[in-house]
Amino acid sequence: MNYLRDHKKFDRSILEFEGLDSGHNYVEQDHLVAEELKVRIEEATNALPDKCRKIFLLNRMENKKYHEIATELNISVKTVEAQMSKALRIMRTRLAEFYNR
């Protein structure tokens, strides 16, 4: 039941018919998971090294391209690529538990 709920590959009426729907409010549960994820993303972002965090935020929050970031910070595009790679590796590690929910 958890697998089906989590992957949303089912018709909820089937669960009700089979008596498997325990009456949980899935919308509320999804909202709680989303809020928890939001907090964890913020914590993971704040844990990034300063330069890495700045580049990550410019790219992900301000939607700037690598060459724009490089120009703005007066660094090479390769440095931006390396810092983004590092940031994404750290973020994936810190948020791994949310990948399989």
PDB file of N, CA and C in Angstrom:
ATOM      1  N   MET A   1       0.825  -1.177   0.000  1.00  0.00           N
ATOM      2  CA  MET A   1       0.000   0.000   0.000  1.00  0.00           C
ATOM      3  C   MET A   1       0.882   1.258   0.000  1.00  0.00           C
ATOM      4  N   ASN A   2       1.945   1.268   0.821  1.00  0.00           N
ATOM      5  CA  ASN A   2       2.834   2.421   0.865  1.00  0.00           C
ATOM      6  C   ASN A   2       3.490   2.658  -0.490  1.00  0.00           C
ATOM      7  N   TYR A   3       3.933   1.580  -1.130  1.00  0.00           N
ATOM      8  CA  TYR A   3       4.558   1.713  -2.439  1.00  0.00           C
ATOM      9  C   TYR A   3       3.577   2.339  -3.426  1.00  0.00           C
ATOM     10  N   LEU A   4       2.374   1.839  -3.456  1.00  0.00           N
ATOM     11  CA  LEU A   4       1.377   2.375  -4.374  1.00  0.00           C
ATOM     12  C   LEU A   4       1.075   3.839  -4.075  1.00  0.00           C
ATOM     13  N   ARG A   5       0.895   4.149  -2.802  1.00  0.00           N
ATOM     14  CA  ARG A   5       0.607   5.528  -2.412  1.00  0.00           C
ATOM     15  C   ARG A   5       1.748   6.443  -2.803  1.00  0.00           C
ATOM     16  N   ASP A   6       2.957   6.016  -2.492  1.00  0.00           N
ATOM     17  CA  ASP A   6       4.132   6.851  -2.735  1.00  0.00           C
ATOM     18  C   ASP A   6       4.390   7.065  -4.215  1.00  0.00           C
ATOM     19  N   HIS A   7       4.086   6.097  -5.014  1.00  0.00           N
ATOM     20  CA  HIS A   7       4.361   6.215  -6.440  1.00  0.00           C
ATOM     21  C   HIS A   7       3.136   6.660  -7.235  1.00  0.00           C
ATOM     22  N   LYS A   8       2.017   6.811  -6.565  1.00  0.00           N
ATOM     23  CA  LYS A   8       0.797   7.344  -7.149  1.00  0.00           C
ATOM     24  C   LYS A   8       0.429   6.669  -8.474  1.00  0.00           C
ATOM     25  N   LYS A   9       0.673   5.364  -8.544  1.00  0.00           N
ATOM     26  CA  LYS A   9       0.345   4.605  -9.750  1.00  0.00           C
ATOM     27  C   LYS A   9      -0.878   3.734  -9.476  1.00  0.00           C
ATOM     28  N   PHE A  10      -1.908   4.353  -8.962  1.00  0.00           N
ATOM     29  CA  PHE A  10      -3.090   3.591  -8.628  1.00  0.00           C
ATOM     30  C   PHE A  10      -4.303   4.504  -8.614  1.00  0.00           C
ATOM     31  N   ASP A  11      -5.427   3.881  -8.645  1.00  0.00           N
ATOM     32  CA  ASP A  11      -6.685   4.597  -8.513  1.00  0.00           C
ATOM     33  C   ASP A  11      -7.094   4.435  -7.047  1.00  0.00           C
ATOM     34  N   ARG A  12      -7.224   5.542  -6.329  1.00  0.00           N
ATOM     35  CA  ARG A  12      -7.529   5.504  -4.900  1.00  0.00           C
ATOM     36  C   ARG A  12      -8.804   4.698  -4.609  1.00  0.00           C
ATOM     37  N   SER A  13      -9.736   4.672  -5.549  1.00  0.00           N
ATOM     38  CA  SER A  13     -10.976   3.919  -5.338  1.00  0.00           C
ATOM     39  C   SER A  13     -10.702   2.421  -5.194  1.00  0.00           C
ATOM     40  N   ILE A  14      -9.623   1.955  -5.822  1.00  0.00           N
ATOM     41  CA  ILE A  14      -9.248   0.543  -5.677  1.00  0.00           C
ATOM     42  C   ILE A  14      -8.864   0.261  -4.230  1.00  0.00           C
ATOM     43  N   LEU A  15      -8.102   1.161  -3.615  1.00  0.00           N
ATOM     44  CA  LEU A  15      -7.736   0.985  -2.214  1.00  0.00           C
ATOM     45  C   LEU A  15      -8.978   0.985  -1.331  1.00  0.00           C
ATOM     46  N   GLU A  16      -9.910   1.887  -1.615  1.00  0.00           N
ATOM     47  CA  GLU A  16     -11.132   1.947  -0.815  1.00  0.00           C
ATOM     48  C   GLU A  16     -11.928   0.662  -0.974  1.00  0.00           C
ATOM     49  N   PHE A  17     -12.059   0.173  -2.219  1.00  0.00           N
ATOM     50  CA  PHE A  17     -12.806  -1.045  -2.492  1.00  0.00           C
ATOM     51  C   PHE A  17     -12.186  -2.238  -1.773  1.00  0.00           C
ATOM     52  N   GLU A  18     -10.867  -2.290  -1.760  1.00  0.00           N
ATOM     53  CA  GLU A  18     -10.164  -3.398  -1.118  1.00  0.00           C
ATOM     54  C   GLU A  18     -10.058  -3.216   0.392  1.00  0.00           C
ATOM     55  N   GLY A  19     -10.523  -2.090   0.885  1.00  0.00           N
ATOM     56  CA  GLY A  19     -10.455  -1.841   2.318  1.00  0.00           C
ATOM     57  C   GLY A  19      -9.063  -1.495   2.789  1.00  0.00           C
ATOM     58  N   LEU A  20      -8.217  -1.060   1.887  1.00  0.00           N
ATOM     59  CA  LEU A  20      -6.837  -0.748   2.239  1.00  0.00           C
ATOM     60  C   LEU A  20      -6.623   0.726   2.535  1.00  0.00           C
ATOM     61  N   ASP A  21      -7.573   1.548   2.194  1.00  0.00           N
ATOM     62  CA  ASP A  21      -7.430   2.978   2.461  1.00  0.00           C
ATOM     63  C   ASP A  21      -7.754   3.206   3.925  1.00  0.00           C
ATOM     64  N   SER A  22      -6.741   3.577   4.678  1.00  0.00           N
ATOM     65  CA  SER A  22      -6.916   3.723   6.118  1.00  0.00           C
ATOM     66  C   SER A  22      -7.471   5.083   6.497  1.00  0.00           C
ATOM     67  N   GLY A  23      -7.891   5.873   5.511  1.00  0.00           N
ATOM     68  CA  GLY A  23      -8.459   7.172   5.821  1.00  0.00           C
ATOM     69  C   GLY A  23      -7.433   8.268   6.010  1.00  0.00           C
ATOM     70  N   HIS A  24      -6.181   7.981   5.713  1.00  0.00           N
ATOM     71  CA  HIS A  24      -5.155   9.019   5.834  1.00  0.00           C
ATOM     72  C   HIS A  24      -5.444  10.147   4.867  1.00  0.00           C
ATOM     73  N   ASN A  25      -5.119  11.300   5.291  1.00  0.00           N
ATOM     74  CA  ASN A  25      -5.256  12.452   4.420  1.00  0.00           C
ATOM     75  C   ASN A  25      -3.954  12.589   3.638  1.00  0.00           C
ATOM     76  N   TYR A  26      -3.939  12.033   2.421  1.00  0.00           N
ATOM     77  CA  TYR A  26      -2.715  12.003   1.632  1.00  0.00           C
ATOM     78  C   TYR A  26      -2.255  13.398   1.230  1.00  0.00           C
ATOM     79  N   VAL A  27      -3.185  14.299   1.016  1.00  0.00           N
ATOM     80  CA  VAL A  27      -2.811  15.663   0.656  1.00  0.00           C
ATOM     81  C   VAL A  27      -2.040  16.297   1.812  1.00  0.00           C
ATOM     82  N   GLU A  28      -2.536  16.108   3.030  1.00  0.00           N
ATOM     83  CA  GLU A  28      -1.848  16.657   4.203  1.00  0.00           C
ATOM     84  C   GLU A  28      -0.478  16.010   4.365  1.00  0.00           C
ATOM     85  N   GLN A  29      -0.408  14.710   4.168  1.00  0.00           N
ATOM     86  CA  GLN A  29       0.860  13.995   4.299  1.00  0.00           C
ATOM     87  C   GLN A  29       1.852  14.495   3.251  1.00  0.00           C
ATOM     88  N   ASP A  30       1.393  14.672   2.012  1.00  0.00           N
ATOM     89  CA  ASP A  30       2.262  15.194   0.963  1.00  0.00           C
ATOM     90  C   ASP A  30       2.751  16.593   1.317  1.00  0.00           C
ATOM     91  N   HIS A  31       1.875  17.394   1.892  1.00  0.00           N
ATOM     92  CA  HIS A  31       2.240  18.755   2.291  1.00  0.00           C
ATOM     93  C   HIS A  31       3.321  18.714   3.380  1.00  0.00           C
ATOM     94  N   LEU A  32       3.181  17.815   4.340  1.00  0.00           N
ATOM     95  CA  LEU A  32       4.171  17.699   5.403  1.00  0.00           C
ATOM     96  C   LEU A  32       5.533  17.267   4.855  1.00  0.00           C
ATOM     97  N   VAL A  33       5.520  16.329   3.927  1.00  0.00           N
ATOM     98  CA  VAL A  33       6.771  15.884   3.313  1.00  0.00           C
ATOM     99  C   VAL A  33       7.395  17.032   2.531  1.00  0.00           C
ATOM    100  N   ALA A  34       6.577  17.787   1.816  1.00  0.00           N
ATOM    101  CA  ALA A  34       7.084  18.934   1.052  1.00  0.00           C
ATOM    102  C   ALA A  34       7.694  19.980   1.982  1.00  0.00           C
ATOM    103  N   GLU A  35       7.054  20.238   3.105  1.00  0.00           N
ATOM    104  CA  GLU A  35       7.586  21.207   4.063  1.00  0.00           C
ATOM    105  C   GLU A  35       8.901  20.721   4.664  1.00  0.00           C
ATOM    106  N   GLU A  36       8.949  19.425   4.990  1.00  0.00           N
ATOM    107  CA  GLU A  36      10.180  18.854   5.543  1.00  0.00           C
ATOM    108  C   GLU A  36      11.304  18.942   4.507  1.00  0.00           C
ATOM    109  N   LEU A  37      10.986  18.640   3.263  1.00  0.00           N
ATOM    110  CA  LEU A  37      11.979  18.711   2.196  1.00  0.00           C
ATOM    111  C   LEU A  37      12.477  20.145   2.020  1.00  0.00           C
ATOM    112  N   LYS A  38      11.575  21.096   2.084  1.00  0.00           N
ATOM    113  CA  LYS A  38      11.953  22.510   1.946  1.00  0.00           C
ATOM    114  C   LYS A  38      12.953  22.910   3.035  1.00  0.00           C
ATOM    115  N   VAL A  39      12.689  22.500   4.263  1.00  0.00           N
ATOM    116  CA  VAL A  39      13.593  22.800   5.379  1.00  0.00           C
ATOM    117  C   VAL A  39      14.941  22.125   5.166  1.00  0.00           C
ATOM    118  N   ARG A  40      14.914  20.866   4.746  1.00  0.00           N
ATOM    119  CA  ARG A  40      16.165  20.119   4.542  1.00  0.00           C
ATOM    120  C   ARG A  40      16.984  20.697   3.391  1.00  0.00           C
ATOM    121  N   ILE A  41      16.321  21.190   2.339  1.00  0.00           N
ATOM    122  CA  ILE A  41      17.034  21.823   1.230  1.00  0.00           C
ATOM    123  C   ILE A  41      17.717  23.092   1.716  1.00  0.00           C
ATOM    124  N   GLU A  42      17.007  23.860   2.515  1.00  0.00           N
ATOM    125  CA  GLU A  42      17.589  25.089   3.057  1.00  0.00           C
ATOM    126  C   GLU A  42      18.796  24.781   3.939  1.00  0.00           C
ATOM    127  N   GLU A  43      18.671  23.760   4.790  1.00  0.00           N
ATOM    128  CA  GLU A  43      19.791  23.368   5.654  1.00  0.00           C
ATOM    129  C   GLU A  43      20.982  22.896   4.821  1.00  0.00           C
ATOM    130  N   ALA A  44      20.707  22.084   3.805  1.00  0.00           N
ATOM    131  CA  ALA A  44      21.779  21.571   2.951  1.00  0.00           C
ATOM    132  C   ALA A  44      22.447  22.711   2.182  1.00  0.00           C
ATOM    133  N   THR A  45      21.657  23.649   1.708  1.00  0.00           N
ATOM    134  CA  THR A  45      22.203  24.805   0.991  1.00  0.00           C
ATOM    135  C   THR A  45      23.081  25.640   1.909  1.00  0.00           C
ATOM    136  N   ASN A  46      22.612  25.874   3.124  1.00  0.00           N
ATOM    137  CA  ASN A  46      23.388  26.668   4.087  1.00  0.00           C
ATOM    138  C   ASN A  46      24.679  25.972   4.506  1.00  0.00           C
ATOM    139  N   ALA A  47      24.728  24.656   4.375  1.00  0.00           N
ATOM    140  CA  ALA A  47      25.920  23.898   4.754  1.00  0.00           C
ATOM    141  C   ALA A  47      26.991  23.902   3.664  1.00  0.00           C
ATOM    142  N   LEU A  48      26.646  24.376   2.465  1.00  0.00           N
ATOM    143  CA  LEU A  48      27.623  24.433   1.385  1.00  0.00           C
ATOM    144  C   LEU A  48      28.705  25.462   1.717  1.00  0.00           C
ATOM    145  N   PRO A  49      29.931  25.234   1.244  1.00  0.00           N
ATOM    146  CA  PRO A  49      30.970  26.253   1.399  1.00  0.00           C
ATOM    147  C   PRO A  49      30.513  27.557   0.725  1.00  0.00           C
ATOM    148  N   ASP A  50      30.990  28.694   1.215  1.00  0.00           N
ATOM    149  CA  ASP A  50      30.503  30.000   0.768  1.00  0.00           C
ATOM    150  C   ASP A  50      30.491  30.178  -0.751  1.00  0.00           C
ATOM    151  N   LYS A  51      31.623  29.960  -1.380  1.00  0.00           N
ATOM    152  CA  LYS A  51      31.718  30.159  -2.830  1.00  0.00           C
ATOM    153  C   LYS A  51      30.779  29.205  -3.565  1.00  0.00           C
ATOM    154  N   CYS A  52      30.746  27.995  -3.120  1.00  0.00           N
ATOM    155  CA  CYS A  52      29.897  26.959  -3.705  1.00  0.00           C
ATOM    156  C   CYS A  52      28.421  27.339  -3.562  1.00  0.00           C
ATOM    157  N   ARG A  53      28.043  27.790  -2.376  1.00  0.00           N
ATOM    158  CA  ARG A  53      26.657  28.190  -2.111  1.00  0.00           C
ATOM    159  C   ARG A  53      26.258  29.363  -2.997  1.00  0.00           C
ATOM    160  N   LYS A  54      27.122  30.360  -3.106  1.00  0.00           N
ATOM    161  CA  LYS A  54      26.820  31.540  -3.919  1.00  0.00           C
ATOM    162  C   LYS A  54      26.553  31.132  -5.371  1.00  0.00           C
ATOM    163  N   ILE A  55      27.418  30.305  -5.917  1.00  0.00           N
ATOM    164  CA  ILE A  55      27.262  29.843  -7.300  1.00  0.00           C
ATOM    165  C   ILE A  55      26.005  29.005  -7.447  1.00  0.00           C
ATOM    166  N   PHE A  56      25.764  28.106  -6.513  1.00  0.00           N
ATOM    167  CA  PHE A  56      24.571  27.256  -6.549  1.00  0.00           C
ATOM    168  C   PHE A  56      23.297  28.106  -6.538  1.00  0.00           C
ATOM    169  N   LEU A  57      23.242  29.085  -5.653  1.00  0.00           N
ATOM    170  CA  LEU A  57      22.051  29.932  -5.550  1.00  0.00           C
ATOM    171  C   LEU A  57      21.856  30.796  -6.795  1.00  0.00           C
ATOM    172  N   LEU A  58      22.939  31.306  -7.345  1.00  0.00           N
ATOM    173  CA  LEU A  58      22.819  32.092  -8.579  1.00  0.00           C
ATOM    174  C   LEU A  58      22.239  31.243  -9.704  1.00  0.00           C
ATOM    175  N   ASN A  59      22.659  30.001  -9.777  1.00  0.00           N
ATOM    176  CA  ASN A  59      22.177  29.116 -10.827  1.00  0.00           C
ATOM    177  C   ASN A  59      20.765  28.617 -10.565  1.00  0.00           C
ATOM    178  N   ARG A  60      20.520  28.103  -9.386  1.00  0.00           N
ATOM    179  CA  ARG A  60      19.241  27.442  -9.104  1.00  0.00           C
ATOM    180  C   ARG A  60      18.127  28.390  -8.686  1.00  0.00           C
ATOM    181  N   MET A  61      18.454  29.468  -7.992  1.00  0.00           N
ATOM    182  CA  MET A  61      17.410  30.372  -7.511  1.00  0.00           C
ATOM    183  C   MET A  61      17.201  31.580  -8.429  1.00  0.00           C
ATOM    184  N   GLU A  62      18.283  32.022  -9.061  1.00  0.00           N
ATOM    185  CA  GLU A  62      18.172  33.177  -9.955  1.00  0.00           C
ATOM    186  C   GLU A  62      18.209  32.767 -11.421  1.00  0.00           C
ATOM    187  N   ASN A  63      18.299  31.461 -11.666  1.00  0.00           N
ATOM    188  CA  ASN A  63      18.266  30.889 -13.019  1.00  0.00           C
ATOM    189  C   ASN A  63      19.323  31.474 -13.953  1.00  0.00           C
ATOM    190  N   LYS A  64      20.474  31.787 -13.413  1.00  0.00           N
ATOM    191  CA  LYS A  64      21.556  32.319 -14.250  1.00  0.00           C
ATOM    192  C   LYS A  64      22.335  31.173 -14.860  1.00  0.00           C
ATOM    193  N   LYS A  65      22.768  31.387 -16.078  1.00  0.00           N
ATOM    194  CA  LYS A  65      23.577  30.396 -16.783  1.00  0.00           C
ATOM    195  C   LYS A  65      25.016  30.473 -16.283  1.00  0.00           C
ATOM    196  N   TYR A  66      25.754  29.397 -16.524  1.00  0.00           N
ATOM    197  CA  TYR A  66      27.129  29.325 -16.023  1.00  0.00           C
ATOM    198  C   TYR A  66      27.981  30.500 -16.505  1.00  0.00           C
ATOM    199  N   HIS A  67      27.846  30.856 -17.777  1.00  0.00           N
ATOM    200  CA  HIS A  67      28.674  31.953 -18.285  1.00  0.00           C
ATOM    201  C   HIS A  67      28.282  33.290 -17.646  1.00  0.00           C
ATOM    202  N   GLU A  68      27.013  33.462 -17.303  1.00  0.00           N
ATOM    203  CA  GLU A  68      26.572  34.684 -16.615  1.00  0.00           C
ATOM    204  C   GLU A  68      27.172  34.752 -15.206  1.00  0.00           C
ATOM    205  N   ILE A  69      27.171  33.628 -14.535  1.00  0.00           N
ATOM    206  CA  ILE A  69      27.745  33.566 -13.185  1.00  0.00           C
ATOM    207  C   ILE A  69      29.241  33.846 -13.246  1.00  0.00           C
ATOM    208  N   ALA A  70      29.904  33.229 -14.200  1.00  0.00           N
ATOM    209  CA  ALA A  70      31.349  33.424 -14.350  1.00  0.00           C
ATOM    210  C   ALA A  70      31.667  34.899 -14.581  1.00  0.00           C
ATOM    211  N   THR A  71      30.908  35.543 -15.432  1.00  0.00           N
ATOM    212  CA  THR A  71      31.120  36.968 -15.709  1.00  0.00           C
ATOM    213  C   THR A  71      30.864  37.807 -14.465  1.00  0.00           C
ATOM    214  N   GLU A  72      29.761  37.530 -13.791  1.00  0.00           N
ATOM    215  CA  GLU A  72      29.394  38.295 -12.596  1.00  0.00           C
ATOM    216  C   GLU A  72      30.434  38.174 -11.483  1.00  0.00           C
ATOM    217  N   LEU A  73      30.961  36.965 -11.293  1.00  0.00           N
ATOM    218  CA  LEU A  73      31.915  36.726 -10.201  1.00  0.00           C
ATOM    219  C   LEU A  73      33.368  36.848 -10.640  1.00  0.00           C
ATOM    220  N   ASN A  74      33.554  37.128 -11.929  1.00  0.00           N
ATOM    221  CA  ASN A  74      34.902  37.275 -12.484  1.00  0.00           C
ATOM    222  C   ASN A  74      35.744  36.016 -12.255  1.00  0.00           C
ATOM    223  N   ILE A  75      35.136  34.882 -12.609  1.00  0.00           N
ATOM    224  CA  ILE A  75      35.805  33.582 -12.530  1.00  0.00           C
ATOM    225  C   ILE A  75      35.585  32.862 -13.853  1.00  0.00           C
ATOM    226  N   SER A  76      36.264  31.747 -14.052  1.00  0.00           N
ATOM    227  CA  SER A  76      36.084  31.000 -15.306  1.00  0.00           C
ATOM    228  C   SER A  76      34.822  30.149 -15.257  1.00  0.00           C
ATOM    229  N   VAL A  77      34.335  29.815 -16.441  1.00  0.00           N
ATOM    230  CA  VAL A  77      33.171  28.930 -16.544  1.00  0.00           C
ATOM    231  C   VAL A  77      33.519  27.560 -15.956  1.00  0.00           C
ATOM    232  N   LYS A  78      34.751  27.118 -16.146  1.00  0.00           N
ATOM    233  CA  LYS A  78      35.196  25.828 -15.585  1.00  0.00           C
ATOM    234  C   LYS A  78      35.094  25.832 -14.061  1.00  0.00           C
ATOM    235  N   THR A  79      35.402  26.970 -13.428  1.00  0.00           N
ATOM    236  CA  THR A  79      35.281  27.075 -11.971  1.00  0.00           C
ATOM    237  C   THR A  79      33.823  26.967 -11.562  1.00  0.00           C
ATOM    238  N   VAL A  80      32.955  27.605 -12.322  1.00  0.00           N
ATOM    239  CA  VAL A  80      31.512  27.518 -12.043  1.00  0.00           C
ATOM    240  C   VAL A  80      31.061  26.070 -12.175  1.00  0.00           C
ATOM    241  N   GLU A  81      31.487  25.400 -13.237  1.00  0.00           N
ATOM    242  CA  GLU A  81      31.117  23.994 -13.442  1.00  0.00           C
ATOM    243  C   GLU A  81      31.595  23.124 -12.280  1.00  0.00           C
ATOM    244  N   ALA A  82      32.828  23.333 -11.860  1.00  0.00           N
ATOM    245  CA  ALA A  82      33.384  22.538 -10.764  1.00  0.00           C
ATOM    246  C   ALA A  82      32.635  22.791  -9.460  1.00  0.00           C
ATOM    247  N   GLN A  83      32.322  24.039  -9.178  1.00  0.00           N
ATOM    248  CA  GLN A  83      31.610  24.377  -7.947  1.00  0.00           C
ATOM    249  C   GLN A  83      30.172  23.852  -7.975  1.00  0.00           C
ATOM    250  N   MET A  84      29.532  23.897  -9.135  1.00  0.00           N
ATOM    251  CA  MET A  84      28.171  23.347  -9.246  1.00  0.00           C
ATOM    252  C   MET A  84      28.189  21.834  -9.073  1.00  0.00           C
ATOM    253  N   SER A  85      29.186  21.193  -9.639  1.00  0.00           N
ATOM    254  CA  SER A  85      29.319  19.748  -9.478  1.00  0.00           C
ATOM    255  C   SER A  85      29.475  19.395  -8.004  1.00  0.00           C
ATOM    256  N   LYS A  86      30.312  20.147  -7.320  1.00  0.00           N
ATOM    257  CA  LYS A  86      30.525  19.935  -5.885  1.00  0.00           C
ATOM    258  C   LYS A  86      29.233  20.174  -5.107  1.00  0.00           C
ATOM    259  N   ALA A  87      28.543  21.261  -5.420  1.00  0.00           N
ATOM    260  CA  ALA A  87      27.295  21.590  -4.726  1.00  0.00           C
ATOM    261  C   ALA A  87      26.248  20.502  -4.928  1.00  0.00           C
ATOM    262  N   LEU A  88      26.086  20.051  -6.148  1.00  0.00           N
ATOM    263  CA  LEU A  88      25.086  19.025  -6.437  1.00  0.00           C
ATOM    264  C   LEU A  88      25.424  17.703  -5.770  1.00  0.00           C
ATOM    265  N   ARG A  89      26.711  17.372  -5.718  1.00  0.00           N
ATOM    266  CA  ARG A  89      27.137  16.143  -5.033  1.00  0.00           C
ATOM    267  C   ARG A  89      26.784  16.218  -3.542  1.00  0.00           C
ATOM    268  N   ILE A  90      27.063  17.366  -2.934  1.00  0.00           N
ATOM    269  CA  ILE A  90      26.752  17.552  -1.513  1.00  0.00           C
ATOM    270  C   ILE A  90      25.240  17.520  -1.287  1.00  0.00           C
ATOM    271  N   MET A  91      24.500  18.194  -2.142  1.00  0.00           N
ATOM    272  CA  MET A  91      23.040  18.236  -1.997  1.00  0.00           C
ATOM    273  C   MET A  91      22.444  16.828  -2.140  1.00  0.00           C
ATOM    274  N   ARG A  92      22.910  16.078  -3.141  1.00  0.00           N
ATOM    275  CA  ARG A  92      22.403  14.712  -3.329  1.00  0.00           C
ATOM    276  C   ARG A  92      22.661  13.856  -2.091  1.00  0.00           C
ATOM    277  N   THR A  93      23.840  13.999  -1.511  1.00  0.00           N
ATOM    278  CA  THR A  93      24.194  13.216  -0.326  1.00  0.00           C
ATOM    279  C   THR A  93      23.299  13.595   0.851  1.00  0.00           C
ATOM    280  N   ARG A  94      23.137  14.891   1.075  1.00  0.00           N
ATOM    281  CA  ARG A  94      22.353  15.355   2.216  1.00  0.00           C
ATOM    282  C   ARG A  94      20.861  15.092   2.068  1.00  0.00           C
ATOM    283  N   LEU A  95      20.387  14.975   0.840  1.00  0.00           N
ATOM    284  CA  LEU A  95      18.947  14.793   0.600  1.00  0.00           C
ATOM    285  C   LEU A  95      18.602  13.401   0.086  1.00  0.00           C
ATOM    286  N   ALA A  96      19.520  12.472   0.231  1.00  0.00           N
ATOM    287  CA  ALA A  96      19.356  11.121  -0.314  1.00  0.00           C
ATOM    288  C   ALA A  96      18.083  10.443   0.170  1.00  0.00           C
ATOM    289  N   GLU A  97      17.702  10.667   1.408  1.00  0.00           N
ATOM    290  CA  GLU A  97      16.518   9.987   1.938  1.00  0.00           C
ATOM    291  C   GLU A  97      15.223  10.372   1.229  1.00  0.00           C
ATOM    292  N   PHE A  98      15.223  11.496   0.527  1.00  0.00           N
ATOM    293  CA  PHE A  98      14.018  11.941  -0.165  1.00  0.00           C
ATOM    294  C   PHE A  98      13.916  11.378  -1.578  1.00  0.00           C
ATOM    295  N   TYR A  99      14.949  10.747  -2.078  1.00  0.00           N
ATOM    296  CA  TYR A  99      14.918  10.199  -3.432  1.00  0.00           C
ATOM    297  C   TYR A  99      13.966   9.038  -3.569  1.00  0.00           C
ATOM    298  N   ASN A 100      13.810   8.231  -2.553  1.00  0.00           N
ATOM    299  CA  ASN A 100      13.018   7.013  -2.652  1.00  0.00           C
ATOM    300  C   ASN A 100      11.686   7.086  -1.928  1.00  0.00           C
ATOM    301  N   ARG A 101      11.213   8.280  -1.686  1.00  0.00           N
ATOM    302  CA  ARG A 101       9.922   8.407  -1.009  1.00  0.00           C
ATOM    303  C   ARG A 101       8.785   8.317  -1.961  1.00  0.00           C
TER     304      ARG A 101
END
